[in-house]
């Protein structure tokens, strides 16, 4: 495995990537970037997934209430919808 530019980036061959996939995933989860080559030609890059913003339970409930405001079931009851769903 060769180190490339940058402290958290390295290059591995396709065979080595296949053989050590789990350990490479652990490295990427830790913030490293890994370039995968085939016969010395770069073909893929493993990078960490960007952090997603999280919402508190209260924020989620507030958002659901906002989304459903003004929406109705068009005169149907929840029981009718449940029974309709059981037909299939």
PDB file of N, CA and C in Angstrom:
ATOM      1  N   UNK A   1       0.845  -1.174   0.000  1.00  0.00           N
ATOM      2  CA  UNK A   1       0.000   0.000   0.000  1.00  0.00           C
ATOM      3  C   UNK A   1       0.886   1.231   0.000  1.00  0.00           C
ATOM      4  N   UNK A   2       0.627   2.128  -0.940  1.00  0.00           N
ATOM      5  CA  UNK A   2       1.440   3.330  -1.080  1.00  0.00           C
ATOM      6  C   UNK A   2       0.715   4.528  -0.507  1.00  0.00           C
ATOM      7  N   UNK A   3       1.451   5.361   0.192  1.00  0.00           N
ATOM      8  CA  UNK A   3       0.894   6.630   0.679  1.00  0.00           C
ATOM      9  C   UNK A   3       0.950   7.626  -0.473  1.00  0.00           C
ATOM     10  N   UNK A   4      -0.087   8.466  -0.546  1.00  0.00           N
ATOM     11  CA  UNK A   4      -0.099   9.512  -1.557  1.00  0.00           C
ATOM     12  C   UNK A   4      -0.199  10.850  -0.848  1.00  0.00           C
ATOM     13  N   UNK A   5      -0.371  11.924  -1.608  1.00  0.00           N
ATOM     14  CA  UNK A   5      -0.428  13.265  -1.034  1.00  0.00           C
ATOM     15  C   UNK A   5      -1.519  13.363   0.021  1.00  0.00           C
ATOM     16  N   UNK A   6      -1.217  14.070   1.108  1.00  0.00           N
ATOM     17  CA  UNK A   6      -2.192  14.234   2.186  1.00  0.00           C
ATOM     18  C   UNK A   6      -1.990  13.199   3.268  1.00  0.00           C
ATOM     19  N   UNK A   7      -2.179  13.571   4.494  1.00  0.00           N
ATOM     20  CA  UNK A   7      -1.899  12.661   5.600  1.00  0.00           C
ATOM     21  C   UNK A   7      -2.898  11.509   5.716  1.00  0.00           C
ATOM     22  N   UNK A   8      -4.131  11.661   5.245  1.00  0.00           N
ATOM     23  CA  UNK A   8      -5.136  10.625   5.444  1.00  0.00           C
ATOM     24  C   UNK A   8      -5.572  10.005   4.125  1.00  0.00           C
ATOM     25  N   UNK A   9      -4.689   9.979   3.136  1.00  0.00           N
ATOM     26  CA  UNK A   9      -5.037   9.429   1.835  1.00  0.00           C
ATOM     27  C   UNK A   9      -3.978   8.412   1.422  1.00  0.00           C
ATOM     28  N   UNK A  10      -4.439   7.294   0.888  1.00  0.00           N
ATOM     29  CA  UNK A  10      -3.484   6.316   0.374  1.00  0.00           C
ATOM     30  C   UNK A  10      -4.074   5.585  -0.816  1.00  0.00           C
ATOM     31  N   UNK A  11      -3.228   4.830  -1.507  1.00  0.00           N
ATOM     32  CA  UNK A  11      -3.624   4.118  -2.713  1.00  0.00           C
ATOM     33  C   UNK A  11      -3.408   2.630  -2.514  1.00  0.00           C
ATOM     34  N   UNK A  12      -4.383   1.827  -2.938  1.00  0.00           N
ATOM     35  CA  UNK A  12      -4.241   0.375  -2.889  1.00  0.00           C
ATOM     36  C   UNK A  12      -4.689  -0.200  -4.228  1.00  0.00           C
ATOM     37  N   UNK A  13      -4.141  -1.351  -4.567  1.00  0.00           N
ATOM     38  CA  UNK A  13      -4.539  -2.044  -5.781  1.00  0.00           C
ATOM     39  C   UNK A  13      -5.884  -2.732  -5.592  1.00  0.00           C
ATOM     40  N   UNK A  14      -6.535  -3.068  -6.691  1.00  0.00           N
ATOM     41  CA  UNK A  14      -7.865  -3.674  -6.642  1.00  0.00           C
ATOM     42  C   UNK A  14      -7.857  -5.007  -5.906  1.00  0.00           C
ATOM     43  N   UNK A  15      -6.850  -5.839  -6.138  1.00  0.00           N
ATOM     44  CA  UNK A  15      -6.792  -7.134  -5.462  1.00  0.00           C
ATOM     45  C   UNK A  15      -6.645  -6.954  -3.963  1.00  0.00           C
ATOM     46  N   UNK A  16      -5.769  -6.048  -3.568  1.00  0.00           N
ATOM     47  CA  UNK A  16      -5.570  -5.787  -2.144  1.00  0.00           C
ATOM     48  C   UNK A  16      -6.827  -5.189  -1.516  1.00  0.00           C
ATOM     49  N   UNK A  17      -7.516  -4.333  -2.252  1.00  0.00           N
ATOM     50  CA  UNK A  17      -8.757  -3.746  -1.750  1.00  0.00           C
ATOM     51  C   UNK A  17      -9.802  -4.833  -1.513  1.00  0.00           C
ATOM     52  N   UNK A  18      -9.878  -5.777  -2.434  1.00  0.00           N
ATOM     53  CA  UNK A  18     -10.832  -6.877  -2.276  1.00  0.00           C
ATOM     54  C   UNK A  18     -10.456  -7.741  -1.076  1.00  0.00           C
ATOM     55  N   UNK A  19      -9.193  -8.010  -0.929  1.00  0.00           N
ATOM     56  CA  UNK A  19      -8.724  -8.874   0.147  1.00  0.00           C
ATOM     57  C   UNK A  19      -8.892  -8.242   1.522  1.00  0.00           C
ATOM     58  N   UNK A  20      -8.681  -6.940   1.624  1.00  0.00           N
ATOM     59  CA  UNK A  20      -8.713  -6.246   2.922  1.00  0.00           C
ATOM     60  C   UNK A  20      -9.866  -5.251   3.020  1.00  0.00           C
ATOM     61  N   UNK A  21     -10.984  -5.570   2.382  1.00  0.00           N
ATOM     62  CA  UNK A  21     -12.094  -4.629   2.295  1.00  0.00           C
ATOM     63  C   UNK A  21     -12.573  -4.152   3.669  1.00  0.00           C
ATOM     64  N   UNK A  22     -12.757  -5.060   4.620  1.00  0.00           N
ATOM     65  CA  UNK A  22     -13.263  -4.667   5.936  1.00  0.00           C
ATOM     66  C   UNK A  22     -12.324  -3.694   6.649  1.00  0.00           C
ATOM     67  N   UNK A  23     -11.031  -3.945   6.592  1.00  0.00           N
ATOM     68  CA  UNK A  23     -10.099  -3.030   7.261  1.00  0.00           C
ATOM     69  C   UNK A  23     -10.053  -1.686   6.538  1.00  0.00           C
ATOM     70  N   UNK A  24     -10.215  -1.681   5.217  1.00  0.00           N
ATOM     71  CA  UNK A  24     -10.271  -0.420   4.479  1.00  0.00           C
ATOM     72  C   UNK A  24     -11.522   0.376   4.858  1.00  0.00           C
ATOM     73  N   UNK A  25     -12.651  -0.320   5.016  1.00  0.00           N
ATOM     74  CA  UNK A  25     -13.875   0.352   5.456  1.00  0.00           C
ATOM     75  C   UNK A  25     -13.677   1.001   6.826  1.00  0.00           C
ATOM     76  N   UNK A  26     -12.999   0.303   7.712  1.00  0.00           N
ATOM     77  CA  UNK A  26     -12.745   0.865   9.039  1.00  0.00           C
ATOM     78  C   UNK A  26     -11.887   2.123   8.939  1.00  0.00           C
ATOM     79  N   UNK A  27     -10.902   2.108   8.064  1.00  0.00           N
ATOM     80  CA  UNK A  27     -10.062   3.294   7.870  1.00  0.00           C
ATOM     81  C   UNK A  27     -10.881   4.470   7.337  1.00  0.00           C
ATOM     82  N   UNK A  28     -11.741   4.180   6.354  1.00  0.00           N
ATOM     83  CA  UNK A  28     -12.565   5.231   5.767  1.00  0.00           C
ATOM     84  C   UNK A  28     -13.536   5.777   6.811  1.00  0.00           C
ATOM     85  N   UNK A  29     -14.091   4.909   7.620  1.00  0.00           N
ATOM     86  CA  UNK A  29     -14.990   5.352   8.687  1.00  0.00           C
ATOM     87  C   UNK A  29     -14.257   6.259   9.669  1.00  0.00           C
ATOM     88  N   UNK A  30     -12.958   6.072   9.790  1.00  0.00           N
ATOM     89  CA  UNK A  30     -12.141   6.914  10.653  1.00  0.00           C
ATOM     90  C   UNK A  30     -11.706   8.223  10.015  1.00  0.00           C
ATOM     91  N   UNK A  31     -12.089   8.448   8.753  1.00  0.00           N
ATOM     92  CA  UNK A  31     -11.790   9.717   8.103  1.00  0.00           C
ATOM     93  C   UNK A  31     -10.801   9.656   6.954  1.00  0.00           C
ATOM     94  N   UNK A  32     -10.190   8.508   6.708  1.00  0.00           N
ATOM     95  CA  UNK A  32      -9.220   8.389   5.613  1.00  0.00           C
ATOM     96  C   UNK A  32      -9.904   8.300   4.261  1.00  0.00           C
ATOM     97  N   UNK A  33      -9.167   8.676   3.224  1.00  0.00           N
ATOM     98  CA  UNK A  33      -9.602   8.471   1.849  1.00  0.00           C
ATOM     99  C   UNK A  33      -8.675   7.450   1.217  1.00  0.00           C
ATOM    100  N   UNK A  34      -9.254   6.522   0.457  1.00  0.00           N
ATOM    101  CA  UNK A  34      -8.460   5.471  -0.167  1.00  0.00           C
ATOM    102  C   UNK A  34      -8.770   5.439  -1.653  1.00  0.00           C
ATOM    103  N   UNK A  35      -7.728   5.533  -2.460  1.00  0.00           N
ATOM    104  CA  UNK A  35      -7.868   5.441  -3.913  1.00  0.00           C
ATOM    105  C   UNK A  35      -7.558   4.012  -4.325  1.00  0.00           C
ATOM    106  N   UNK A  36      -8.411   3.434  -5.167  1.00  0.00           N
ATOM    107  CA  UNK A  36      -8.226   2.059  -5.627  1.00  0.00           C
ATOM    108  C   UNK A  36      -7.795   2.097  -7.086  1.00  0.00           C
ATOM    109  N   UNK A  37      -6.727   1.350  -7.375  1.00  0.00           N
ATOM    110  CA  UNK A  37      -6.186   1.328  -8.732  1.00  0.00           C
ATOM    111  C   UNK A  37      -6.284  -0.071  -9.323  1.00  0.00           C
ATOM    112  N   UNK A  38      -6.298  -0.117 -10.636  1.00  0.00           N
ATOM    113  CA  UNK A  38      -6.193  -1.378 -11.358  1.00  0.00           C
ATOM    114  C   UNK A  38      -5.028  -1.223 -12.319  1.00  0.00           C
ATOM    115  N   UNK A  39      -3.983  -2.006 -12.092  1.00  0.00           N
ATOM    116  CA  UNK A  39      -2.750  -1.916 -12.880  1.00  0.00           C
ATOM    117  C   UNK A  39      -2.188  -0.507 -12.872  1.00  0.00           C
ATOM    118  N   UNK A  40      -2.257   0.138 -11.705  1.00  0.00           N
ATOM    119  CA  UNK A  40      -1.683   1.463 -11.526  1.00  0.00           C
ATOM    120  C   UNK A  40      -2.556   2.622 -11.973  1.00  0.00           C
ATOM    121  N   UNK A  41      -3.706   2.324 -12.556  1.00  0.00           N
ATOM    122  CA  UNK A  41      -4.608   3.368 -13.041  1.00  0.00           C
ATOM    123  C   UNK A  41      -5.740   3.552 -12.016  1.00  0.00           C
ATOM    124  N   UNK A  42      -5.933   4.758 -11.497  1.00  0.00           N
ATOM    125  CA  UNK A  42      -7.009   4.977 -10.523  1.00  0.00           C
ATOM    126  C   UNK A  42      -8.381   4.673 -11.142  1.00  0.00           C
ATOM    127  N   UNK A  43      -9.191   3.878 -10.414  1.00  0.00           N
ATOM    128  CA  UNK A  43     -10.522   3.529 -10.906  1.00  0.00           C
ATOM    129  C   UNK A  43     -11.632   3.881  -9.920  1.00  0.00           C
ATOM    130  N   UNK A  44     -11.297   4.046  -8.639  1.00  0.00           N
ATOM    131  CA  UNK A  44     -12.329   4.352  -7.641  1.00  0.00           C
ATOM    132  C   UNK A  44     -11.689   5.027  -6.438  1.00  0.00           C
ATOM    133  N   UNK A  45     -12.541   5.664  -5.650  1.00  0.00           N
ATOM    134  CA  UNK A  45     -12.066   6.296  -4.431  1.00  0.00           C
ATOM    135  C   UNK A  45     -13.073   6.012  -3.325  1.00  0.00           C
ATOM    136  N   UNK A  46     -12.587   5.554  -2.184  1.00  0.00           N
ATOM    137  CA  UNK A  46     -13.429   5.350  -1.008  1.00  0.00           C
ATOM    138  C   UNK A  46     -13.253   6.573  -0.118  1.00  0.00           C
ATOM    139  N   UNK A  47     -14.357   7.242   0.177  1.00  0.00           N
ATOM    140  CA  UNK A  47     -14.306   8.440   1.015  1.00  0.00           C
ATOM    141  C   UNK A  47     -15.373   8.330   2.097  1.00  0.00           C
ATOM    142  N   UNK A  48     -15.169   8.984   3.239  1.00  0.00           N
ATOM    143  CA  UNK A  48     -16.195   8.953   4.282  1.00  0.00           C
ATOM    144  C   UNK A  48     -17.461   9.671   3.826  1.00  0.00           C
ATOM    145  N   UNK A  49     -18.581   9.197   4.293  1.00  0.00           N
ATOM    146  CA  UNK A  49     -19.860   9.843   3.999  1.00  0.00           C
ATOM    147  C   UNK A  49     -19.922  11.131   4.810  1.00  0.00           C
ATOM    148  N   UNK A  50     -20.350  12.223   4.184  1.00  0.00           N
ATOM    149  CA  UNK A  50     -20.448  13.472   4.942  1.00  0.00           C
ATOM    150  C   UNK A  50     -21.444  13.322   6.091  1.00  0.00           C
ATOM    151  N   UNK A  51     -21.158  13.972   7.194  1.00  0.00           N
ATOM    152  CA  UNK A  51     -22.049  13.906   8.348  1.00  0.00           C
ATOM    153  C   UNK A  51     -23.394  14.536   7.997  1.00  0.00           C
ATOM    154  N   UNK A  52     -24.456  13.862   8.377  1.00  0.00           N
ATOM    155  CA  UNK A  52     -25.794  14.396   8.132  1.00  0.00           C
ATOM    156  C   UNK A  52     -26.263  15.131   9.381  1.00  0.00           C
ATOM    157  N   UNK A  53     -26.963  16.213   9.184  1.00  0.00           N
ATOM    158  CA  UNK A  53     -27.486  16.916  10.356  1.00  0.00           C
ATOM    159  C   UNK A  53     -28.527  16.053  11.048  1.00  0.00           C
ATOM    160  N   UNK A  54     -28.520  16.067  12.355  1.00  0.00           N
ATOM    161  CA  UNK A  54     -29.482  15.278  13.109  1.00  0.00           C
ATOM    162  C   UNK A  54     -30.537  16.192  13.713  1.00  0.00           C
ATOM    163  N   UNK A  55     -31.698  15.623  13.941  1.00  0.00           N
ATOM    164  CA  UNK A  55     -32.794  16.375  14.526  1.00  0.00           C
ATOM    165  C   UNK A  55     -33.206  15.705  15.835  1.00  0.00           C
ATOM    166  N   UNK A  56     -33.589  16.506  16.786  1.00  0.00           N
ATOM    167  CA  UNK A  56     -34.097  15.951  18.036  1.00  0.00           C
ATOM    168  C   UNK A  56     -35.506  15.412  17.795  1.00  0.00           C
ATOM    169  N   UNK A  57     -35.988  14.609  18.724  1.00  0.00           N
ATOM    170  CA  UNK A  57     -37.329  14.055  18.605  1.00  0.00           C
ATOM    171  C   UNK A  57     -38.347  15.192  18.532  1.00  0.00           C
ATOM    172  N   UNK A  58     -38.151  16.217  19.329  1.00  0.00           N
ATOM    173  CA  UNK A  58     -39.071  17.347  19.320  1.00  0.00           C
ATOM    174  C   UNK A  58     -39.095  18.040  17.958  1.00  0.00           C
ATOM    175  N   UNK A  59     -37.921  18.171  17.328  1.00  0.00           N
ATOM    176  CA  UNK A  59     -37.854  18.786  16.004  1.00  0.00           C
ATOM    177  C   UNK A  59     -38.576  17.935  14.964  1.00  0.00           C
ATOM    178  N   UNK A  60     -38.445  16.610  15.061  1.00  0.00           N
ATOM    179  CA  UNK A  60     -39.107  15.710  14.114  1.00  0.00           C
ATOM    180  C   UNK A  60     -40.622  15.819  14.261  1.00  0.00           C
ATOM    181  N   UNK A  61     -41.110  15.803  15.507  1.00  0.00           N
ATOM    182  CA  UNK A  61     -42.548  15.923  15.745  1.00  0.00           C
ATOM    183  C   UNK A  61     -43.066  17.253  15.208  1.00  0.00           C
ATOM    184  N   UNK A  62     -42.336  18.323  15.462  1.00  0.00           N
ATOM    185  CA  UNK A  62     -42.732  19.640  14.973  1.00  0.00           C
ATOM    186  C   UNK A  62     -42.802  19.661  13.446  1.00  0.00           C
ATOM    187  N   UNK A  63     -41.842  19.038  12.779  1.00  0.00           N
ATOM    188  CA  UNK A  63     -41.820  18.987  11.316  1.00  0.00           C
ATOM    189  C   UNK A  63     -42.990  18.168  10.769  1.00  0.00           C
ATOM    190  N   UNK A  64     -43.307  17.020  11.407  1.00  0.00           N
ATOM    191  CA  UNK A  64     -44.459  16.231  10.986  1.00  0.00           C
ATOM    192  C   UNK A  64     -45.746  17.034  11.117  1.00  0.00           C
ATOM    193  N   UNK A  65     -45.898  17.746  12.215  1.00  0.00           N
ATOM    194  CA  UNK A  65     -47.097  18.563  12.412  1.00  0.00           C
ATOM    195  C   UNK A  65     -47.194  19.638  11.337  1.00  0.00           C
ATOM    196  N   UNK A  66     -46.066  20.239  10.993  1.00  0.00           N
ATOM    197  CA  UNK A  66     -46.051  21.259   9.954  1.00  0.00           C
ATOM    198  C   UNK A  66     -46.452  20.668   8.600  1.00  0.00           C
ATOM    199  N   UNK A  67     -45.948  19.481   8.289  1.00  0.00           N
ATOM    200  CA  UNK A  67     -46.235  18.853   7.002  1.00  0.00           C
ATOM    201  C   UNK A  67     -47.693  18.428   6.867  1.00  0.00           C
ATOM    202  N   UNK A  68     -48.306  18.001   7.962  1.00  0.00           N
ATOM    203  CA  UNK A  68     -49.677  17.500   7.867  1.00  0.00           C
ATOM    204  C   UNK A  68     -50.728  18.588   8.012  1.00  0.00           C
ATOM    205  N   UNK A  69     -50.328  19.781   8.404  1.00  0.00           N
ATOM    206  CA  UNK A  69     -51.268  20.876   8.622  1.00  0.00           C
ATOM    207  C   UNK A  69     -52.072  21.144   7.352  1.00  0.00           C
ATOM    208  N   UNK A  70     -53.399  21.144   7.498  1.00  0.00           N
ATOM    209  CA  UNK A  70     -54.283  21.418   6.375  1.00  0.00           C
ATOM    210  C   UNK A  70     -54.574  20.216   5.499  1.00  0.00           C
ATOM    211  N   UNK A  71     -54.042  19.056   5.829  1.00  0.00           N
ATOM    212  CA  UNK A  71     -54.284  17.855   5.027  1.00  0.00           C
ATOM    213  C   UNK A  71     -55.306  16.978   5.732  1.00  0.00           C
ATOM    214  N   UNK A  72     -56.190  16.397   4.948  1.00  0.00           N
ATOM    215  CA  UNK A  72     -57.225  15.530   5.513  1.00  0.00           C
ATOM    216  C   UNK A  72     -57.206  14.192   4.800  1.00  0.00           C
ATOM    217  N   UNK A  73     -58.017  13.281   5.306  1.00  0.00           N
ATOM    218  CA  UNK A  73     -58.145  11.964   4.684  1.00  0.00           C
ATOM    219  C   UNK A  73     -59.292  11.929   3.691  1.00  0.00           C
ATOM    220  N   UNK A  74     -59.831  13.085   3.372  1.00  0.00           N
ATOM    221  CA  UNK A  74     -60.913  13.162   2.396  1.00  0.00           C
ATOM    222  C   UNK A  74     -62.182  12.460   2.856  1.00  0.00           C
ATOM    223  N   UNK A  75     -62.469  12.521   4.141  1.00  0.00           N
ATOM    224  CA  UNK A  75     -63.683  11.912   4.673  1.00  0.00           C
ATOM    225  C   UNK A  75     -63.532  10.466   5.083  1.00  0.00           C
ATOM    226  N   UNK A  76     -62.403   9.852   4.818  1.00  0.00           N
ATOM    227  CA  UNK A  76     -62.175   8.464   5.217  1.00  0.00           C
ATOM    228  C   UNK A  76     -61.690   8.417   6.662  1.00  0.00           C
ATOM    229  N   UNK A  77     -61.972   7.290   7.304  1.00  0.00           N
ATOM    230  CA  UNK A  77     -61.445   7.097   8.655  1.00  0.00           C
ATOM    231  C   UNK A  77     -60.177   6.253   8.572  1.00  0.00           C
ATOM    232  N   UNK A  78     -59.412   6.295   9.630  1.00  0.00           N
ATOM    233  CA  UNK A  78     -58.199   5.476   9.685  1.00  0.00           C
ATOM    234  C   UNK A  78     -58.570   4.005   9.545  1.00  0.00           C
ATOM    235  N   UNK A  79     -59.663   3.576  10.201  1.00  0.00           N
ATOM    236  CA  UNK A  79     -60.109   2.178  10.133  1.00  0.00           C
ATOM    237  C   UNK A  79     -60.404   1.776   8.689  1.00  0.00           C
ATOM    238  N   UNK A  80     -61.048   2.631   7.913  1.00  0.00           N
ATOM    239  CA  UNK A  80     -61.346   2.329   6.512  1.00  0.00           C
ATOM    240  C   UNK A  80     -60.055   2.162   5.705  1.00  0.00           C
ATOM    241  N   UNK A  81     -59.093   3.003   5.966  1.00  0.00           N
ATOM    242  CA  UNK A  81     -57.805   2.881   5.264  1.00  0.00           C
ATOM    243  C   UNK A  81     -57.089   1.590   5.622  1.00  0.00           C
ATOM    244  N   UNK A  82     -57.121   1.236   6.897  1.00  0.00           N
ATOM    245  CA  UNK A  82     -56.485  -0.014   7.337  1.00  0.00           C
ATOM    246  C   UNK A  82     -57.156  -1.202   6.657  1.00  0.00           C
ATOM    247  N   UNK A  83     -58.476  -1.219   6.671  1.00  0.00           N
ATOM    248  CA  UNK A  83     -59.197  -2.326   6.039  1.00  0.00           C
ATOM    249  C   UNK A  83     -58.950  -2.390   4.535  1.00  0.00           C
ATOM    250  N   UNK A  84     -58.869  -1.249   3.901  1.00  0.00           N
ATOM    251  CA  UNK A  84     -58.574  -1.198   2.470  1.00  0.00           C
ATOM    252  C   UNK A  84     -57.200  -1.800   2.193  1.00  0.00           C
ATOM    253  N   UNK A  85     -56.227  -1.484   3.040  1.00  0.00           N
ATOM    254  CA  UNK A  85     -54.882  -2.012   2.870  1.00  0.00           C
ATOM    255  C   UNK A  85     -54.806  -3.513   3.061  1.00  0.00           C
ATOM    256  N   UNK A  86     -55.694  -4.078   3.868  1.00  0.00           N
ATOM    257  CA  UNK A  86     -55.695  -5.527   4.111  1.00  0.00           C
ATOM    258  C   UNK A  86     -56.246  -6.325   2.941  1.00  0.00           C
ATOM    259  N   UNK A  87     -56.924  -5.673   2.028  1.00  0.00           N
ATOM    260  CA  UNK A  87     -57.505  -6.371   0.878  1.00  0.00           C
ATOM    261  C   UNK A  87     -56.437  -6.879  -0.075  1.00  0.00           C
ATOM    262  N   UNK A  88     -55.253  -6.301  -0.031  1.00  0.00           N
ATOM    263  CA  UNK A  88     -54.219  -6.665  -0.995  1.00  0.00           C
ATOM    264  C   UNK A  88     -53.185  -7.528  -0.417  1.00  0.00           C
TER     265      UNK A  88
END
